[in-house]
Amino acid sequence: MKRKPKAIISLLLSVLMMATVLAGCGGTASSTPSQSTAASSASGSSAGDDSAGPIEFPYTGEEVVFKGFGYDGLAQEDTVVSRAWQEHIGNIKVEYEFIPYNDFLTKMDIYLASGDIPDILPVYDPKTVVNTYGASGALLDFNQYIDYMPNLQEYRKTYPNMDYLNTAEGNRYAIVGVQPIDYAGESWFVNMDELKKAGVEKAPETVDELLAAMRAVKEKDSAVTPFLSYWNISYAMGAFANLINAQTSAVYYDTEDDTYKFAYNEESSKRKELIQLMADMYAEGLVNREIATLSDEQAKALLAQGQWAFTYLYGNSLEKEVFKVDRGEELPFDIQPMTPPAASDGKRYLSIAYQHDNVPGWGIVCSSQTEHPELLAAYMDQVVSPFGRDIFNYGVEGVTYDIVDGKPVMKEGIDKAEMGVSTQYEVWMVGMGPNERNGDGYLLSQASIDLSTENFNSGNVEAVWPPVHTLFSTEAGEQKANIENTLKTYVDEQEAMFIYGQRSMSEWDAFVEEVNNLIDVQELLNLYNNAETILRDSPRVFQAS
């Protein structure tokens, strides 16, 4: 069942566009909900009786400690911001167990499958998690405690996409944040030092030129990696899929036919073309040989050595994570952001990592077995509050930033890392974005943002983003997840074999036949085509150039 976006989404776009224009000329964005520090009692609901009274923040009751589990992406230290957050929250604490990212994903799946999860669990792909595990009874249904969550209720008025994760039965098993504007986040980067050594004087304009430049670099010095991957093979594949406008998922929505299709059965999906490209690059040594096994830390260490020509990663990763330079400091190599090379159709494509009307790639689920469900719901409501958004993105008003003409402006000379800005863990995991994006004093990051913004606004680069949201009932979600889990295990294994030369590309048709025999493709497509599909408005909301 398909339906057009609610009228409020069109209204949202108008409001956000106006907010962006006002932000560019010093005005005040009017789409921000007002701050609420009290979570009211849920009258007549299972959340509690009327005598419980509202939950005020800072919370002054007996100290409550929630257990959390996450990956060690942010330093959790005693800072000005962490103390301000704790002062705002009161007698509620979260004790986390942090492990490396790659290990976290495995443990996350184990927790969800067992049903025995900690009070707070960040999850990748919350839509799939909700569809797969929502009916298990292990996840807290926040809609039972919605009266304890006034900030969430306010945000829903402006950002209807916060409800896209609700099940057909009306359950809200995950908390996600909002992004006021569309933002690429990720960029292509070129190391001009290595290109010039190979006799290439400028960044490539087309995918063919990109491959030619990579080959020239490899021929000049075999010790240099033409394309150095980041976050392993699936992430690298996504980068090249966007370059050639190939589908990245097995089932995708075709806007021309207004229906879902199976990528392996559609030549136009360019799935075979993508795997062939990856296989050719691997065979020629144009991508690092350890692309399947390289850990995050190993990738950063190799990037820091500078013996690479191209990479694709988040805009601030090179400065903050790889070279770890101070704001305003130049990198030791001539690394520049690069406009994505044009595909064979002459168009350039770049994925938008943050979308104003999207379900974020990360969210948080909570345990239904928590001892204090009302308090946990109220705490998560503070995570998605304007206070949570601002303390993460800007820090403490009057200390790290001031409000100037209605906009938050960072104070001069503030060391955001030392102050703890952008370190509140739950806000980070749900994705509460700022009204504007900037490089935060990092030169390369700012250049990347400026280039992407200019390219999007001018139409030089087309934004890649999912055209629909698909909402499944609990039963359909479980059926879909079972089929797709079987499919993913097999195609990941086989496509890796194609890429590494362990299986010949001449066997691609046989592989597609194997896939069609492995699962009931028509059943999978029926689940998608019978689901509720929300068609997203096409206008994107980018900040002014």
Protein backbone atom coordinates (compact mmCIF):
# COMPACT_ATOMS: atom_id res chain seq x y z
CA MET A 1 0.00 0.00 0.00
CA LYS A 2 1.48 3.30 -1.07
CA ARG A 3 0.66 6.77 0.06
CA LYS A 4 1.97 10.19 -0.71
CA PRO A 5 3.78 12.13 2.01
CA LYS A 6 1.57 13.87 4.50
CA ALA A 7 0.92 17.52 3.87
CA ILE A 8 3.00 18.28 6.91
CA ILE A 9 6.10 17.06 5.09
CA SER A 10 5.60 19.68 2.40
CA LEU A 11 5.07 22.21 5.15
CA LEU A 12 8.26 20.97 6.78
CA LEU A 13 10.21 21.59 3.61
CA SER A 14 8.90 25.13 3.38
CA VAL A 15 9.73 25.79 7.01
CA LEU A 16 13.22 24.33 6.70
CA MET A 17 13.96 26.20 3.50
CA MET A 18 12.94 29.41 5.22
CA ALA A 19 15.08 28.46 8.21
CA THR A 20 18.05 27.92 5.93
CA VAL A 21 17.53 31.27 4.21
CA LEU A 22 17.18 33.05 7.55
CA ALA A 23 20.25 31.30 8.90
CA GLY A 24 22.23 32.56 5.93
CA CYS A 25 21.27 36.18 6.64
CA GLY A 26 21.43 36.10 10.41
CA GLY A 27 17.75 35.32 11.02
CA THR A 28 16.28 32.87 13.47
CA ALA A 29 15.13 29.44 12.38
CA SER A 30 11.54 29.01 13.51
CA SER A 31 11.34 25.22 13.31
CA THR A 32 12.94 24.43 16.66
CA PRO A 33 10.59 23.11 19.35
CA SER A 34 10.67 24.91 22.65
CA GLN A 35 12.63 23.31 25.47
CA SER A 36 10.71 21.19 27.94
CA THR A 37 12.29 19.98 31.14
CA ALA A 38 9.31 18.19 32.67
CA ALA A 39 8.00 14.79 31.63
CA SER A 40 4.37 14.46 32.68
CA SER A 41 2.74 11.41 34.18
CA ALA A 42 1.04 9.14 31.64
CA SER A 43 -2.58 9.40 32.67
CA GLY A 44 -4.51 6.21 32.09
CA SER A 45 -1.59 4.40 30.43
CA SER A 46 0.57 1.51 31.50
CA ALA A 47 3.34 3.98 32.23
CA GLY A 48 2.04 4.68 35.70
CA ASP A 49 -0.86 6.17 37.60
CA ASP A 50 -1.81 9.80 37.97
CA SER A 51 -0.35 9.97 41.46
CA ALA A 52 3.17 9.53 40.12
CA GLY A 53 3.31 13.18 39.09
CA PRO A 54 5.58 14.72 36.42
CA ILE A 55 9.28 13.94 36.17
CA GLU A 56 11.15 17.19 36.50
CA PHE A 57 14.73 17.75 35.36
CA PRO A 58 17.14 17.86 37.00
CA TYR A 59 15.79 14.66 38.57
CA THR A 60 16.11 14.86 42.36
CA GLY A 61 14.89 11.42 43.38
CA GLU A 62 17.07 8.58 44.58
CA GLU A 63 19.95 7.97 42.18
CA VAL A 64 19.17 5.60 39.32
CA VAL A 65 21.93 3.99 37.24
CA PHE A 66 21.13 2.61 33.79
CA LYS A 67 23.41 0.15 32.02
CA GLY A 68 24.47 0.91 28.45
CA PHE A 69 26.48 -0.88 25.78
CA GLY A 70 28.17 0.87 22.88
CA TYR A 71 31.26 1.18 20.72
CA ASP A 72 34.17 3.38 21.64
CA GLY A 73 33.68 6.14 19.07
CA LEU A 74 33.63 9.04 21.52
CA ALA A 75 35.82 9.75 24.51
CA GLN A 76 33.68 9.90 27.64
CA GLU A 77 35.66 12.17 29.93
CA ASP A 78 35.03 14.68 32.70
CA THR A 79 34.50 17.93 30.78
CA VAL A 80 32.59 21.18 31.00
CA VAL A 81 29.91 19.68 28.74
CA SER A 82 29.64 16.35 30.55
CA ARG A 83 29.24 18.15 33.86
CA ALA A 84 26.57 20.45 32.37
CA TRP A 85 24.69 17.45 31.02
CA GLN A 86 24.81 15.69 34.36
CA GLU A 87 23.70 18.83 36.16
CA HIS A 88 20.75 19.10 33.78
CA ILE A 89 19.80 15.42 34.18
CA GLY A 90 20.25 15.17 37.96
CA ASN A 91 20.37 11.85 39.78
CA ILE A 92 20.37 9.67 36.67
CA LYS A 93 23.56 8.08 35.41
CA VAL A 94 24.40 5.77 32.53
CA GLU A 95 27.27 3.33 32.93
CA TYR A 96 28.52 2.10 29.55
CA GLU A 97 30.56 -0.85 28.49
CA PHE A 98 32.46 0.23 25.39
CA ILE A 99 34.12 -2.14 22.90
CA PRO A 100 35.68 -1.66 19.43
CA TYR A 101 33.29 -0.96 16.56
CA ASN A 102 33.73 -4.22 14.65
CA ASP A 103 33.19 -6.27 17.82
CA PHE A 104 30.22 -4.13 18.80
CA LEU A 105 28.17 -5.03 15.72
CA THR A 106 28.54 -8.73 16.47
CA LYS A 107 27.68 -8.28 20.15
CA MET A 108 24.74 -6.03 19.26
CA ASP A 109 23.24 -8.84 17.17
CA ILE A 110 23.80 -11.32 20.01
CA TYR A 111 22.05 -9.07 22.51
CA LEU A 112 19.07 -8.57 20.22
CA ALA A 113 18.76 -12.24 19.32
CA SER A 114 18.92 -13.29 22.97
CA GLY A 115 16.35 -10.72 24.06
CA ASP A 116 18.49 -9.93 27.11
CA ILE A 117 19.62 -6.40 26.29
CA PRO A 118 21.02 -3.65 28.52
CA ASP A 119 18.86 -0.68 29.48
CA ILE A 120 20.30 1.40 26.62
CA LEU A 121 21.56 -0.18 23.38
CA PRO A 122 22.57 1.83 20.31
CA VAL A 123 21.67 -0.08 17.15
CA TYR A 124 22.66 0.11 13.52
CA ASP A 125 19.73 0.25 11.06
CA PRO A 126 16.96 0.78 13.63
CA LYS A 127 14.24 0.15 11.03
CA THR A 128 15.44 -3.42 10.51
CA VAL A 129 15.95 -3.92 14.25
CA VAL A 130 12.40 -2.82 14.98
CA ASN A 131 10.97 -5.04 12.24
CA THR A 132 13.02 -8.02 13.36
CA TYR A 133 12.86 -7.81 17.14
CA GLY A 134 9.88 -5.58 17.95
CA ALA A 135 7.53 -8.49 18.52
CA SER A 136 9.98 -10.31 20.78
CA GLY A 137 8.89 -8.34 23.84
CA ALA A 138 12.47 -7.40 24.63
CA LEU A 139 12.25 -3.78 23.49
CA LEU A 140 10.67 -0.93 25.43
CA ASP A 141 7.65 0.55 23.65
CA PHE A 142 8.13 4.28 24.14
CA ASN A 143 4.59 5.01 23.00
CA GLN A 144 3.38 3.51 26.28
CA TYR A 145 5.31 6.28 28.02
CA ILE A 146 4.78 9.08 25.50
CA ASP A 147 3.36 11.40 28.18
CA TYR A 148 6.78 11.31 29.79
CA MET A 149 8.30 12.54 26.54
CA PRO A 150 7.09 16.10 25.79
CA ASN A 151 10.14 16.95 23.67
CA LEU A 152 9.52 13.98 21.39
CA GLN A 153 5.89 15.01 21.06
CA GLU A 154 6.92 18.52 20.03
CA TYR A 155 9.47 17.31 17.49
CA ARG A 156 6.88 15.02 15.89
CA LYS A 157 4.85 18.09 14.91
CA THR A 158 7.70 19.38 12.75
CA TYR A 159 9.48 16.14 11.85
CA PRO A 160 6.91 13.46 10.93
CA ASN A 161 9.76 11.16 9.92
CA MET A 162 10.29 10.50 13.64
CA ASP A 163 7.13 8.37 13.40
CA TYR A 164 8.34 6.32 10.43
CA LEU A 165 9.79 3.73 12.77
CA ASN A 166 6.43 3.11 14.43
CA THR A 167 5.10 -0.34 13.71
CA ALA A 168 1.77 -0.90 12.00
CA GLU A 169 0.44 -1.76 15.44
CA GLY A 170 1.49 1.66 16.75
CA ASN A 171 4.58 0.67 18.76
CA ARG A 172 7.66 2.88 19.00
CA TYR A 173 10.56 0.57 19.81
CA ALA A 174 13.43 2.91 18.89
CA ILE A 175 14.48 6.51 19.41
CA VAL A 176 15.98 8.43 16.50
CA GLY A 177 17.06 12.02 16.07
CA VAL A 178 16.43 14.66 13.40
CA GLN A 179 18.50 16.49 10.83
CA PRO A 180 17.24 19.99 9.99
CA ILE A 181 19.12 20.05 6.66
CA ASP A 182 20.45 17.61 4.09
CA TYR A 183 24.16 17.02 4.44
CA ALA A 184 26.52 14.77 2.49
CA GLY A 185 28.85 14.09 5.41
CA GLU A 186 31.06 11.88 3.26
CA SER A 187 33.42 13.01 0.51
CA TRP A 188 35.94 11.81 -2.01
CA PHE A 189 39.50 12.93 -1.30
CA VAL A 190 42.58 12.99 -3.51
CA ASN A 191 46.22 13.03 -2.45
CA MET A 192 47.71 15.35 -5.07
CA ASP A 193 51.26 14.57 -3.93
CA GLU A 194 50.91 10.99 -5.19
CA LEU A 195 49.03 11.99 -8.33
CA LYS A 196 51.72 14.48 -9.36
CA LYS A 197 54.45 11.91 -8.76
CA ALA A 198 52.63 9.76 -11.31
CA GLY A 199 52.38 12.64 -13.78
CA VAL A 200 48.71 13.37 -13.14
CA GLU A 201 48.28 17.10 -12.59
CA LYS A 202 44.58 17.36 -11.67
CA ALA A 203 41.82 15.38 -10.06
CA PRO A 204 39.95 13.09 -12.49
CA GLU A 205 36.70 14.31 -14.02
CA THR A 206 35.20 10.93 -14.98
CA VAL A 207 35.21 7.40 -13.60
CA ASP A 208 37.37 6.30 -16.54
CA GLU A 209 39.86 9.06 -15.70
CA LEU A 210 39.76 7.95 -12.06
CA LEU A 211 40.72 4.40 -13.02
CA ALA A 212 43.42 5.70 -15.36
CA ALA A 213 44.87 7.85 -12.57
CA MET A 214 44.83 4.92 -10.18
CA ARG A 215 46.68 2.78 -12.71
CA ALA A 216 49.26 5.53 -13.28
CA VAL A 217 49.90 5.75 -9.53
CA LYS A 218 50.27 1.98 -9.26
CA GLU A 219 52.68 1.85 -12.19
CA LYS A 220 54.79 4.66 -10.76
CA ASP A 221 55.12 3.13 -7.28
CA SER A 222 53.73 -0.29 -6.38
CA ALA A 223 54.02 0.59 -2.68
CA VAL A 224 51.31 3.25 -3.07
CA THR A 225 47.67 2.18 -2.74
CA PRO A 226 45.60 3.89 -5.46
CA PHE A 227 42.37 3.62 -3.42
CA LEU A 228 42.68 3.04 0.30
CA SER A 229 39.46 1.72 1.81
CA TYR A 230 37.90 2.90 5.03
CA TRP A 231 35.52 0.71 7.05
CA ASN A 232 36.23 -2.28 4.82
CA ILE A 233 34.72 -3.74 1.70
CA SER A 234 31.01 -2.93 2.11
CA TYR A 235 31.75 0.75 2.66
CA ALA A 236 34.12 0.88 -0.31
CA MET A 237 31.52 -0.85 -2.46
CA GLY A 238 28.97 1.76 -1.44
CA ALA A 239 31.33 4.55 -2.51
CA PHE A 240 31.86 3.08 -5.97
CA ALA A 241 28.18 2.15 -6.29
CA ASN A 242 27.30 5.81 -5.93
CA LEU A 243 29.91 6.77 -8.52
CA ILE A 244 28.30 4.61 -11.21
CA ASN A 245 24.74 5.02 -9.88
CA ALA A 246 24.34 1.33 -9.01
CA GLN A 247 21.83 -0.01 -6.51
CA THR A 248 23.31 -0.82 -3.11
CA SER A 249 20.51 -3.01 -1.74
CA ALA A 250 18.98 -6.27 -2.97
CA VAL A 251 15.47 -4.81 -3.09
CA TYR A 252 15.08 -1.24 -4.31
CA TYR A 253 12.23 1.07 -5.25
CA ASP A 254 11.97 2.01 -8.92
CA THR A 255 10.43 5.47 -9.09
CA GLU A 256 9.68 5.12 -12.81
CA ASP A 257 7.65 1.92 -12.37
CA ASP A 258 6.42 2.80 -8.87
CA THR A 259 7.32 -0.66 -7.63
CA TYR A 260 10.00 -2.61 -5.79
CA LYS A 261 12.47 -4.66 -7.77
CA PHE A 262 15.14 -7.28 -7.09
CA ALA A 263 18.54 -5.90 -8.01
CA TYR A 264 20.01 -9.23 -9.10
CA ASN A 265 17.26 -9.69 -11.69
CA GLU A 266 17.53 -6.17 -13.14
CA GLU A 267 20.35 -5.17 -15.47
CA SER A 268 19.56 -1.51 -14.82
CA SER A 269 20.49 -1.96 -11.15
CA LYS A 270 24.14 -2.24 -12.28
CA ARG A 271 24.89 -4.81 -9.58
CA LYS A 272 26.97 -6.93 -11.93
CA GLU A 273 28.76 -3.82 -13.21
CA LEU A 274 29.62 -2.86 -9.62
CA ILE A 275 31.02 -6.29 -8.71
CA GLN A 276 32.95 -6.41 -12.00
CA LEU A 277 34.46 -3.01 -11.22
CA MET A 278 35.47 -4.08 -7.72
CA ALA A 279 36.91 -7.36 -9.05
CA ASP A 280 38.94 -5.55 -11.74
CA MET A 281 40.33 -3.05 -9.25
CA TYR A 282 41.25 -5.79 -6.80
CA ALA A 283 42.92 -7.89 -9.50
CA GLU A 284 44.98 -4.90 -10.63
CA GLY A 285 45.95 -3.93 -7.09
CA LEU A 286 44.10 -0.62 -7.32
CA VAL A 287 42.50 -1.19 -3.90
CA ASN A 288 44.28 -2.38 -0.78
CA ARG A 289 44.61 -6.16 -0.63
CA GLU A 290 43.41 -6.23 2.99
CA ILE A 291 40.11 -4.60 2.10
CA ALA A 292 38.14 -7.42 3.74
CA THR A 293 40.12 -7.73 6.96
CA LEU A 294 41.52 -4.28 7.69
CA SER A 295 40.40 -3.00 11.08
CA ASP A 296 39.34 0.59 11.62
CA GLU A 297 42.55 1.43 13.45
CA GLN A 298 44.70 -0.24 10.80
CA ALA A 299 42.97 1.74 8.06
CA LYS A 300 43.59 5.01 9.90
CA ALA A 301 47.25 4.12 10.42
CA LEU A 302 47.70 3.45 6.70
CA LEU A 303 45.89 6.65 5.76
CA ALA A 304 48.21 8.59 8.07
CA GLN A 305 51.25 7.29 6.15
CA GLY A 306 50.03 9.15 3.07
CA GLN A 307 50.88 6.42 0.57
CA TRP A 308 47.54 6.51 -1.21
CA ALA A 309 45.95 8.48 -4.01
CA PHE A 310 42.20 8.38 -3.35
CA THR A 311 39.87 7.60 -0.48
CA TYR A 312 36.24 8.10 0.48
CA LEU A 313 35.25 8.85 4.06
CA TYR A 314 33.59 11.36 6.36
CA GLY A 315 34.70 14.92 5.80
CA ASN A 316 36.37 15.47 9.17
CA SER A 317 37.88 12.00 9.58
CA LEU A 318 41.28 12.79 8.08
CA GLU A 319 41.92 15.72 10.39
CA LYS A 320 40.24 14.46 13.58
CA GLU A 321 40.80 10.71 13.42
CA VAL A 322 43.69 10.04 11.05
CA PHE A 323 46.22 12.86 11.32
CA LYS A 324 44.77 14.31 14.53
CA VAL A 325 45.81 17.85 13.71
CA ASP A 326 44.72 20.98 15.55
CA ARG A 327 42.08 23.25 14.08
CA GLY A 328 43.50 25.47 11.37
CA GLU A 329 46.53 23.22 10.92
CA GLU A 330 47.52 21.98 7.46
CA LEU A 331 47.90 18.27 6.80
CA PRO A 332 51.39 16.91 6.01
CA PHE A 333 50.25 16.00 2.48
CA ASP A 334 48.44 17.91 -0.26
CA ILE A 335 45.08 16.24 0.32
CA GLN A 336 42.04 17.91 -1.24
CA PRO A 337 38.31 17.22 -1.38
CA MET A 338 37.26 16.04 -4.82
CA THR A 339 34.04 16.39 -6.80
CA PRO A 340 32.80 12.87 -7.57
CA PRO A 341 33.92 11.83 -11.06
CA ALA A 342 31.15 11.57 -13.65
CA ALA A 343 29.59 8.21 -14.45
CA SER A 344 29.07 6.89 -17.98
CA ASP A 345 25.80 8.83 -18.21
CA GLY A 346 27.76 12.05 -17.70
CA LYS A 347 26.23 12.71 -14.29
CA ARG A 348 27.93 12.97 -10.91
CA TYR A 349 26.44 11.38 -7.82
CA LEU A 350 27.07 11.74 -4.08
CA SER A 351 25.19 10.11 -1.23
CA ILE A 352 23.55 12.23 1.47
CA ALA A 353 24.42 10.67 4.79
CA TYR A 354 22.06 13.00 6.71
CA GLN A 355 18.60 13.73 5.31
CA HIS A 356 15.94 15.99 6.77
CA ASP A 357 13.15 13.47 6.11
CA ASN A 358 14.97 10.21 6.71
CA VAL A 359 15.16 7.49 9.33
CA PRO A 360 18.77 7.74 10.57
CA GLY A 361 21.16 4.85 10.14
CA TRP A 362 21.59 4.62 13.92
CA GLY A 363 19.19 4.80 16.81
CA ILE A 364 18.72 3.55 20.36
CA VAL A 365 16.53 0.78 21.73
CA CYS A 366 15.91 0.20 25.42
CA SER A 367 15.09 -2.87 27.44
CA SER A 368 11.48 -3.60 28.32
CA GLN A 369 12.85 -5.22 31.48
CA THR A 370 14.36 -2.02 32.84
CA GLU A 371 13.43 -1.36 36.46
CA HIS A 372 12.47 2.26 35.75
CA PRO A 373 10.71 2.47 32.35
CA GLU A 374 9.10 5.88 33.00
CA LEU A 375 12.41 7.40 34.03
CA LEU A 376 14.26 5.80 31.13
CA ALA A 377 11.70 7.15 28.67
CA ALA A 378 11.99 10.61 30.24
CA TYR A 379 15.80 10.41 30.01
CA MET A 380 15.66 9.50 26.32
CA ASP A 381 13.30 12.43 25.84
CA GLN A 382 16.06 14.73 27.10
CA VAL A 383 18.37 13.17 24.51
CA VAL A 384 16.08 14.39 21.69
CA SER A 385 15.34 17.71 23.36
CA PRO A 386 16.62 21.07 22.09
CA PHE A 387 18.93 21.01 25.12
CA GLY A 388 20.35 17.65 24.04
CA ARG A 389 20.80 18.85 20.48
CA ASP A 390 22.53 22.08 21.48
CA ILE A 391 24.79 20.69 24.19
CA PHE A 392 26.07 18.12 21.70
CA ASN A 393 26.55 20.47 18.76
CA TYR A 394 27.59 23.64 20.57
CA GLY A 395 28.26 22.91 24.24
CA VAL A 396 27.19 25.19 27.08
CA GLU A 397 25.59 28.54 26.34
CA GLY A 398 27.69 31.40 27.69
CA VAL A 399 30.71 29.13 28.08
CA THR A 400 31.40 27.62 24.67
CA TYR A 401 28.87 29.53 22.57
CA ASP A 402 26.59 32.57 22.58
CA ILE A 403 23.29 33.24 20.86
CA VAL A 404 23.87 35.99 18.29
CA ASP A 405 20.91 37.18 16.20
CA GLY A 406 19.05 34.07 17.22
CA LYS A 407 21.82 31.69 16.16
CA PRO A 408 24.38 29.78 18.25
CA VAL A 409 27.88 31.10 17.59
CA MET A 410 30.96 29.42 19.01
CA LYS A 411 33.20 31.60 21.15
CA GLU A 412 36.65 32.46 19.85
CA GLY A 413 39.48 30.25 21.01
CA ILE A 414 37.28 27.44 22.32
CA ASP A 415 38.86 23.99 22.22
CA LYS A 416 35.77 21.88 21.59
CA ALA A 417 37.53 18.61 22.35
CA GLU A 418 38.80 19.90 25.69
CA MET A 419 35.36 21.26 26.54
CA GLY A 420 33.67 18.01 25.53
CA VAL A 421 31.52 19.42 22.73
CA SER A 422 30.05 16.65 20.51
CA THR A 423 30.67 13.91 23.05
CA GLN A 424 27.24 13.29 24.62
CA TYR A 425 26.92 9.65 23.64
CA GLU A 426 23.18 9.09 23.28
CA VAL A 427 22.67 12.34 21.34
CA TRP A 428 25.46 11.24 19.00
CA MET A 429 23.96 7.79 18.47
CA VAL A 430 20.44 9.00 17.61
CA GLY A 431 21.76 11.79 15.38
CA MET A 432 20.58 15.22 16.51
CA GLY A 433 21.97 17.49 13.82
CA PRO A 434 22.60 21.25 13.90
CA ASN A 435 20.77 23.81 11.77
CA GLU A 436 23.99 24.54 9.87
CA ARG A 437 27.11 22.54 9.07
CA ASN A 438 30.65 23.85 9.18
CA GLY A 439 34.15 22.50 9.44
CA ASP A 440 34.50 23.45 13.09
CA GLY A 441 37.81 25.16 12.36
CA TYR A 442 39.27 22.23 10.39
CA LEU A 443 40.47 23.45 7.01
CA LEU A 444 39.97 20.30 4.94
CA SER A 445 36.59 19.58 6.51
CA GLN A 446 35.40 23.09 5.71
CA ALA A 447 36.66 22.79 2.15
CA SER A 448 34.79 19.51 1.78
CA ILE A 449 31.54 21.03 3.08
CA ASP A 450 31.90 24.07 0.84
CA LEU A 451 32.57 21.94 -2.24
CA SER A 452 29.63 19.60 -1.63
CA THR A 453 27.26 22.47 -0.84
CA GLU A 454 28.27 24.31 -4.00
CA ASN A 455 27.94 21.14 -6.11
CA PHE A 456 24.51 20.29 -4.75
CA ASN A 457 23.11 23.80 -5.00
CA SER A 458 24.41 24.29 -8.54
CA GLY A 459 23.14 20.92 -9.73
CA ASN A 460 26.64 19.80 -10.66
CA VAL A 461 26.19 16.74 -8.42
CA GLU A 462 22.99 14.77 -7.93
CA ALA A 463 22.16 13.74 -4.38
CA VAL A 464 21.67 10.02 -3.82
CA TRP A 465 18.98 9.22 -1.24
CA PRO A 466 16.29 6.55 -0.75
CA PRO A 467 13.09 7.71 -2.48
CA VAL A 468 10.77 5.93 -0.05
CA HIS A 469 10.23 4.77 3.49
CA THR A 470 8.77 1.28 3.78
CA LEU A 471 6.71 0.40 6.86
CA PHE A 472 6.07 -3.27 7.58
CA SER A 473 3.71 -4.92 10.00
CA THR A 474 5.43 -6.97 12.69
CA GLU A 475 4.62 -10.25 10.96
CA ALA A 476 5.69 -9.03 7.53
CA GLY A 477 8.83 -7.50 9.03
CA GLU A 478 9.78 -10.84 10.55
CA GLN A 479 9.21 -12.67 7.27
CA LYS A 480 11.23 -10.09 5.36
CA ALA A 481 14.09 -10.22 7.87
CA ASN A 482 14.28 -14.02 7.71
CA ILE A 483 14.47 -14.01 3.93
CA GLU A 484 16.95 -11.15 3.77
CA ASN A 485 19.22 -12.64 6.44
CA THR A 486 19.51 -15.82 4.39
CA LEU A 487 20.08 -13.78 1.25
CA LYS A 488 22.67 -11.47 2.77
CA THR A 489 24.78 -14.28 4.18
CA TYR A 490 24.98 -15.95 0.78
CA VAL A 491 25.48 -12.91 -1.47
CA ASP A 492 28.11 -11.39 0.83
CA GLU A 493 30.11 -14.60 0.65
CA GLN A 494 29.74 -15.09 -3.09
CA GLU A 495 30.28 -11.47 -4.12
CA ALA A 496 33.47 -11.44 -2.05
CA MET A 497 34.61 -14.50 -3.99
CA PHE A 498 33.96 -12.69 -7.28
CA ILE A 499 35.89 -9.65 -6.09
CA TYR A 500 38.88 -11.65 -4.83
CA GLY A 501 39.07 -13.68 -8.04
CA GLN A 502 38.03 -16.91 -6.29
CA ARG A 503 35.05 -17.13 -8.62
CA SER A 504 35.03 -16.05 -12.27
CA MET A 505 32.69 -13.28 -13.38
CA SER A 506 31.70 -15.60 -16.22
CA GLU A 507 29.67 -17.42 -13.56
CA TRP A 508 27.57 -14.37 -12.70
CA ASP A 509 24.44 -15.67 -14.42
CA ALA A 510 24.80 -18.97 -12.57
CA PHE A 511 25.16 -17.01 -9.33
CA VAL A 512 21.96 -15.07 -10.04
CA GLU A 513 20.17 -18.36 -10.66
CA GLU A 514 21.51 -19.67 -7.34
CA VAL A 515 20.18 -16.59 -5.56
CA ASN A 516 16.74 -17.03 -7.13
CA ASN A 517 16.71 -20.66 -6.03
CA LEU A 518 17.92 -19.80 -2.53
CA ILE A 519 14.98 -17.58 -1.63
CA ASP A 520 11.48 -16.94 -2.89
CA VAL A 521 12.16 -13.66 -4.65
CA GLN A 522 8.52 -13.06 -5.49
CA GLU A 523 7.51 -13.55 -1.86
CA LEU A 524 10.12 -10.99 -0.81
CA LEU A 525 8.92 -8.49 -3.42
CA ASN A 526 5.31 -9.07 -2.40
CA LEU A 527 6.21 -8.22 1.19
CA TYR A 528 7.67 -4.93 0.02
CA ASN A 529 4.94 -4.08 -2.48
CA ASN A 530 2.18 -4.88 0.04
CA ALA A 531 3.81 -2.80 2.77
CA GLU A 532 2.97 0.82 3.46
CA THR A 533 5.29 2.93 1.36
CA ILE A 534 5.76 6.62 2.03
CA LEU A 535 6.98 8.45 -1.07
CA ARG A 536 9.38 11.15 -0.03
CA ASP A 537 9.26 14.67 -1.41
CA SER A 538 12.01 15.18 -3.95
CA PRO A 539 13.21 18.72 -3.00
CA ARG A 540 16.33 18.58 -0.86
CA VAL A 541 17.09 21.16 1.80
CA PHE A 542 20.71 22.26 1.57
CA GLN A 543 22.25 25.17 3.42
CA ALA A 544 23.15 28.23 1.42
CA SER A 545 26.49 28.18 -0.42
